[in-house]
C-alpha atoms as a PDB file:
ATOM      1  CA  UNK A   1     106.409 113.997 103.278  1.00  0.00           C
ATOM      2  CA  UNK A   2     103.749 111.821 101.610  1.00  0.00           C
ATOM      3  CA  UNK A   3     100.399 113.324 100.650  1.00  0.00           C
ATOM      4  CA  UNK A   4      97.249 111.694  99.351  1.00  0.00           C
ATOM      5  CA  UNK A   5      96.134 112.979  95.951  1.00  0.00           C
ATOM      6  CA  UNK A   6      93.474 115.231  97.499  1.00  0.00           C
ATOM      7  CA  UNK A   7      95.872 116.563 100.155  1.00  0.00           C
ATOM      8  CA  UNK A   8      98.541 117.191  97.544  1.00  0.00           C
ATOM      9  CA  UNK A   9      96.097 118.993  95.244  1.00  0.00           C
ATOM     10  CA  UNK A  10      94.735 121.024  98.139  1.00  0.00           C
ATOM     11  CA  UNK A  11      98.235 121.988  99.289  1.00  0.00           C
ATOM     12  CA  UNK A  12      99.342 122.945  95.776  1.00  0.00           C
ATOM     13  CA  UNK A  13      96.235 125.037  95.127  1.00  0.00           C
ATOM     14  CA  UNK A  14      96.453 126.633  98.563  1.00  0.00           C
ATOM     15  CA  UNK A  15     100.072 127.543  97.828  1.00  0.00           C
ATOM     16  CA  UNK A  16      98.921 129.187  94.594  1.00  0.00           C
ATOM     17  CA  UNK A  17      95.758 130.948  95.855  1.00  0.00           C
ATOM     18  CA  UNK A  18      97.153 131.849  99.308  1.00  0.00           C
ATOM     19  CA  UNK A  19      93.722 132.668 100.721  1.00  0.00           C
ATOM     20  CA  UNK A  20      92.269 129.966 102.941  1.00  0.00           C
ATOM     21  CA  UNK A  21      88.713 131.267 102.603  1.00  0.00           C
ATOM     22  CA  UNK A  22      88.864 130.889  98.793  1.00  0.00           C
ATOM     23  CA  UNK A  23      90.551 127.474  98.723  1.00  0.00           C
ATOM     24  CA  UNK A  24      87.411 125.306  98.595  1.00  0.00           C
ATOM     25  CA  UNK A  25      85.841 127.567  95.970  1.00  0.00           C
ATOM     26  CA  UNK A  26      88.826 127.235  93.634  1.00  0.00           C
ATOM     27  CA  UNK A  27      89.373 123.556  94.497  1.00  0.00           C
ATOM     28  CA  UNK A  28      85.792 122.666  93.525  1.00  0.00           C
ATOM     29  CA  UNK A  29      86.097 124.657  90.301  1.00  0.00           C
ATOM     30  CA  UNK A  30      89.431 123.023  89.493  1.00  0.00           C
ATOM     31  CA  UNK A  31      88.043 119.528  90.027  1.00  0.00           C
ATOM     32  CA  UNK A  32      85.195 120.363  87.621  1.00  0.00           C
ATOM     33  CA  UNK A  33      87.602 121.679  84.983  1.00  0.00           C
ATOM     34  CA  UNK A  34      89.851 118.617  85.115  1.00  0.00           C
ATOM     35  CA  UNK A  35      87.051 116.091  85.554  1.00  0.00           C
ATOM     36  CA  UNK A  36      87.836 113.999  82.458  1.00  0.00           C
ATOM     37  CA  UNK A  37      91.581 113.934  83.061  1.00  0.00           C
ATOM     38  CA  UNK A  38      92.307 116.933  80.863  1.00  0.00           C
ATOM     39  CA  UNK A  39      91.960 120.587  81.677  1.00  0.00           C
ATOM     40  CA  UNK A  40      89.201 122.188  79.614  1.00  0.00           C
ATOM     41  CA  UNK A  41      86.697 124.996  79.916  1.00  0.00           C
ATOM     42  CA  UNK A  42      83.408 124.362  81.677  1.00  0.00           C
ATOM     43  CA  UNK A  43      81.076 127.188  82.560  1.00  0.00           C
ATOM     44  CA  UNK A  44      81.407 128.633  86.043  1.00  0.00           C
ATOM     45  CA  UNK A  45      80.253 132.021  87.228  1.00  0.00           C
ATOM     46  CA  UNK A  46      82.324 134.522  89.192  1.00  0.00           C
ATOM     47  CA  UNK A  47      80.663 137.636  90.543  1.00  0.00           C
ATOM     48  CA  UNK A  48      84.135 139.020  91.242  1.00  0.00           C
ATOM     49  CA  UNK A  49      85.033 138.467  87.592  1.00  0.00           C
ATOM     50  CA  UNK A  50      81.806 140.164  86.509  1.00  0.00           C
ATOM     51  CA  UNK A  51      82.130 143.280  88.670  1.00  0.00           C
ATOM     52  CA  UNK A  52      85.907 143.688  88.736  1.00  0.00           C
ATOM     53  CA  UNK A  53      86.660 142.243  85.258  1.00  0.00           C
ATOM     54  CA  UNK A  54      90.348 142.751  84.489  1.00  0.00           C
ATOM     55  CA  UNK A  55      91.152 143.941  88.036  1.00  0.00           C
ATOM     56  CA  UNK A  56      90.483 140.442  89.401  1.00  0.00           C
ATOM     57  CA  UNK A  57      92.887 138.961  86.876  1.00  0.00           C
ATOM     58  CA  UNK A  58      95.502 141.558  87.768  1.00  0.00           C
ATOM     59  CA  UNK A  59      94.998 140.797  91.465  1.00  0.00           C
ATOM     60  CA  UNK A  60      95.483 137.084  90.769  1.00  0.00           C
ATOM     61  CA  UNK A  61      98.626 137.747  88.657  1.00  0.00           C
ATOM     62  CA  UNK A  62      97.109 136.623  85.348  1.00  0.00           C
ATOM     63  CA  UNK A  63      98.764 139.563  83.627  1.00  0.00           C
ATOM     64  CA  UNK A  64      98.290 138.825  79.923  1.00  0.00           C
ATOM     65  CA  UNK A  65      94.540 138.317  80.241  1.00  0.00           C
ATOM     66  CA  UNK A  66      94.291 141.294  82.606  1.00  0.00           C
ATOM     67  CA  UNK A  67      95.808 143.516  79.913  1.00  0.00           C
ATOM     68  CA  UNK A  68      93.447 142.084  77.277  1.00  0.00           C
ATOM     69  CA  UNK A  69      90.511 142.562  79.645  1.00  0.00           C
ATOM     70  CA  UNK A  70      91.577 146.149  80.339  1.00  0.00           C
ATOM     71  CA  UNK A  71      91.617 147.041  76.647  1.00  0.00           C
ATOM     72  CA  UNK A  72      88.330 145.253  75.953  1.00  0.00           C
ATOM     73  CA  UNK A  73      86.654 146.926  78.915  1.00  0.00           C
ATOM     74  CA  UNK A  74      87.780 150.457  78.031  1.00  0.00           C
ATOM     75  CA  UNK A  75      87.754 150.115  74.256  1.00  0.00           C
ATOM     76  CA  UNK A  76      83.978 150.223  73.978  1.00  0.00           C
ATOM     77  CA  UNK A  77      82.068 153.432  74.526  1.00  0.00           C
ATOM     78  CA  UNK A  78      78.812 151.532  74.490  1.00  0.00           C
ATOM     79  CA  UNK A  79      76.995 150.335  77.600  1.00  0.00           C
ATOM     80  CA  UNK A  80      75.709 147.132  75.966  1.00  0.00           C
ATOM     81  CA  UNK A  81      79.191 146.092  74.785  1.00  0.00           C
ATOM     82  CA  UNK A  82      80.628 146.844  78.226  1.00  0.00           C
ATOM     83  CA  UNK A  83      78.008 144.553  79.775  1.00  0.00           C
ATOM     84  CA  UNK A  84      78.943 141.830  77.272  1.00  0.00           C
ATOM     85  CA  UNK A  85      82.624 142.154  78.287  1.00  0.00           C
ATOM     86  CA  UNK A  86      81.576 141.931  81.946  1.00  0.00           C
ATOM     87  CA  UNK A  87      79.542 138.778  81.235  1.00  0.00           C
ATOM     88  CA  UNK A  88      82.463 137.177  79.412  1.00  0.00           C
ATOM     89  CA  UNK A  89      84.829 138.026  82.257  1.00  0.00           C
ATOM     90  CA  UNK A  90      82.343 136.679  84.802  1.00  0.00           C
ATOM     91  CA  UNK A  91      82.176 133.358  82.997  1.00  0.00           C
ATOM     92  CA  UNK A  92      85.879 133.001  82.104  1.00  0.00           C
ATOM     93  CA  UNK A  93      87.796 134.453  85.078  1.00  0.00           C
ATOM     94  CA  UNK A  94      87.782 131.218  87.126  1.00  0.00           C
ATOM     95  CA  UNK A  95      88.979 129.293  84.097  1.00  0.00           C
ATOM     96  CA  UNK A  96      91.789 131.764  83.349  1.00  0.00           C
ATOM     97  CA  UNK A  97      93.015 131.832  86.948  1.00  0.00           C
ATOM     98  CA  UNK A  98      92.941 128.052  87.238  1.00  0.00           C
ATOM     99  CA  UNK A  99      94.501 127.593  83.783  1.00  0.00           C
ATOM    100  CA  UNK A 100      97.538 129.521  84.962  1.00  0.00           C
ATOM    101  CA  UNK A 101      97.670 127.339  88.071  1.00  0.00           C
ATOM    102  CA  UNK A 102      97.290 124.122  86.082  1.00  0.00           C
ATOM    103  CA  UNK A 103     100.018 125.028  83.588  1.00  0.00           C
ATOM    104  CA  UNK A 104     102.464 125.839  86.392  1.00  0.00           C
ATOM    105  CA  UNK A 105     101.496 122.680  88.285  1.00  0.00           C
ATOM    106  CA  UNK A 106     102.204 120.505  85.239  1.00  0.00           C
ATOM    107  CA  UNK A 107     105.511 122.299  84.683  1.00  0.00           C
ATOM    108  CA  UNK A 108     106.552 121.741  88.317  1.00  0.00           C
ATOM    109  CA  UNK A 109     105.497 118.097  88.283  1.00  0.00           C
ATOM    110  CA  UNK A 110     107.665 117.519  85.220  1.00  0.00           C
ATOM    111  CA  UNK A 111     110.708 119.321  86.597  1.00  0.00           C
ATOM    112  CA  UNK A 112     110.690 118.981  90.406  1.00  0.00           C
ATOM    113  CA  UNK A 113     110.701 115.553  92.050  1.00  0.00           C
ATOM    114  CA  UNK A 114     110.148 116.544  95.685  1.00  0.00           C
ATOM    115  CA  UNK A 115     106.473 117.350  96.458  1.00  0.00           C
ATOM    116  CA  UNK A 116     107.362 119.761  99.256  1.00  0.00           C
ATOM    117  CA  UNK A 117     109.683 121.685  96.917  1.00  0.00           C
ATOM    118  CA  UNK A 118     106.864 121.910  94.335  1.00  0.00           C
ATOM    119  CA  UNK A 119     104.570 123.417  96.961  1.00  0.00           C
ATOM    120  CA  UNK A 120     107.247 125.958  97.927  1.00  0.00           C
ATOM    121  CA  UNK A 121     107.801 126.934  94.299  1.00  0.00           C
ATOM    122  CA  UNK A 122     104.028 127.165  93.691  1.00  0.00           C
ATOM    123  CA  UNK A 123     103.764 129.468  96.702  1.00  0.00           C
ATOM    124  CA  UNK A 124     106.458 131.721  95.245  1.00  0.00           C
ATOM    125  CA  UNK A 125     104.722 131.720  91.850  1.00  0.00           C
ATOM    126  CA  UNK A 126     101.146 132.237  92.996  1.00  0.00           C
ATOM    127  CA  UNK A 127      99.387 134.537  95.384  1.00  0.00           C
ATOM    128  CA  UNK A 128      97.917 137.907  94.704  1.00  0.00           C
ATOM    129  CA  UNK A 129      99.108 141.426  94.147  1.00  0.00           C
ATOM    130  CA  UNK A 130      97.103 143.689  96.494  1.00  0.00           C
ATOM    131  CA  UNK A 131      99.564 146.602  96.555  1.00  0.00           C
ATOM    132  CA  UNK A 132      99.574 146.960  92.774  1.00  0.00           C
ATOM    133  CA  UNK A 133      95.801 146.735  92.775  1.00  0.00           C
ATOM    134  CA  UNK A 134      95.458 149.500  95.373  1.00  0.00           C
ATOM    135  CA  UNK A 135      97.852 151.735  93.446  1.00  0.00           C
ATOM    136  CA  UNK A 136      95.941 151.087  90.233  1.00  0.00           C
ATOM    137  CA  UNK A 137      92.574 151.849  91.826  1.00  0.00           C
ATOM    138  CA  UNK A 138      93.971 155.080  93.281  1.00  0.00           C
ATOM    139  CA  UNK A 139      95.365 155.975  89.851  1.00  0.00           C
ATOM    140  CA  UNK A 140      92.004 155.321  88.176  1.00  0.00           C
ATOM    141  CA  UNK A 141      90.168 157.389  90.797  1.00  0.00           C
ATOM    142  CA  UNK A 142      92.586 160.275  90.255  1.00  0.00           C
ATOM    143  CA  UNK A 143      92.190 160.051  86.485  1.00  0.00           C
ATOM    144  CA  UNK A 144      88.397 159.877  86.772  1.00  0.00           C
ATOM    145  CA  UNK A 145      88.372 162.864  89.106  1.00  0.00           C
ATOM    146  CA  UNK A 146      90.638 164.776  86.738  1.00  0.00           C
ATOM    147  CA  UNK A 147      88.408 163.983  83.764  1.00  0.00           C
ATOM    148  CA  UNK A 148      85.267 165.041  85.643  1.00  0.00           C
ATOM    149  CA  UNK A 149      86.970 168.224  86.806  1.00  0.00           C
ATOM    150  CA  UNK A 150      88.214 168.993  83.293  1.00  0.00           C
ATOM    151  CA  UNK A 151      84.768 168.644  81.713  1.00  0.00           C
ATOM    152  CA  UNK A 152      82.943 170.479  84.509  1.00  0.00           C
ATOM    153  CA  UNK A 153      85.239 173.451  85.069  1.00  0.00           C
ATOM    154  CA  UNK A 154      82.749 176.043  83.802  1.00  0.00           C
ATOM    155  CA  UNK A 155      79.962 174.993  86.128  1.00  0.00           C
ATOM    156  CA  UNK A 156      82.426 174.545  88.973  1.00  0.00           C
ATOM    157  CA  UNK A 157      83.841 178.043  88.755  1.00  0.00           C
ATOM    158  CA  UNK A 158      80.437 179.704  88.310  1.00  0.00           C
ATOM    159  CA  UNK A 159      79.735 178.959  91.969  1.00  0.00           C
ATOM    160  CA  UNK A 160      82.580 180.964  93.377  1.00  0.00           C
ATOM    161  CA  UNK A 161      82.906 181.810  97.049  1.00  0.00           C
ATOM    162  CA  UNK A 162      82.972 185.440  95.951  1.00  0.00           C
ATOM    163  CA  UNK A 163      79.549 185.373  94.265  1.00  0.00           C
ATOM    164  CA  UNK A 164      77.947 187.149  97.245  1.00  0.00           C
ATOM    165  CA  UNK A 165      80.139 190.215  96.542  1.00  0.00           C
ATOM    166  CA  UNK A 166      78.805 190.736  93.011  1.00  0.00           C
ATOM    167  CA  UNK A 167      76.014 193.133  94.056  1.00  0.00           C
END
């Protein structure tokens, strides 16, 4: 099957992103990043990257940067430094997601002749990881609840259901 350049790019990116409602967003960002014929960083803002930091990268299967983002986000016990990490993630998450796509696209174009086969392989490579993300969020909620319970046990047990019997 023969595609125009825009159709081919759209089909490849759609195979990678696998969310139709996000396709134009990522396609516009990708075209900006590769504007001069080479892939390089240009500022773009992602509210998802800002609020969800490393979780967005994990969801988009950018594992190495998700791990780095996790350690940066939880390494600092300072609100100002946490905000700085969030700002960096908000400005770099689109680039990191699309860099992974671009690298795989170049690899496939150099190794696979058939365009349809490239799209199939990109589909297998890309996508998101919602189940892992849900498990991780549940794990973090359980840990947070355990930490809060651990540090508040004295005040928690002072309000016993048997306090009315103390007279």
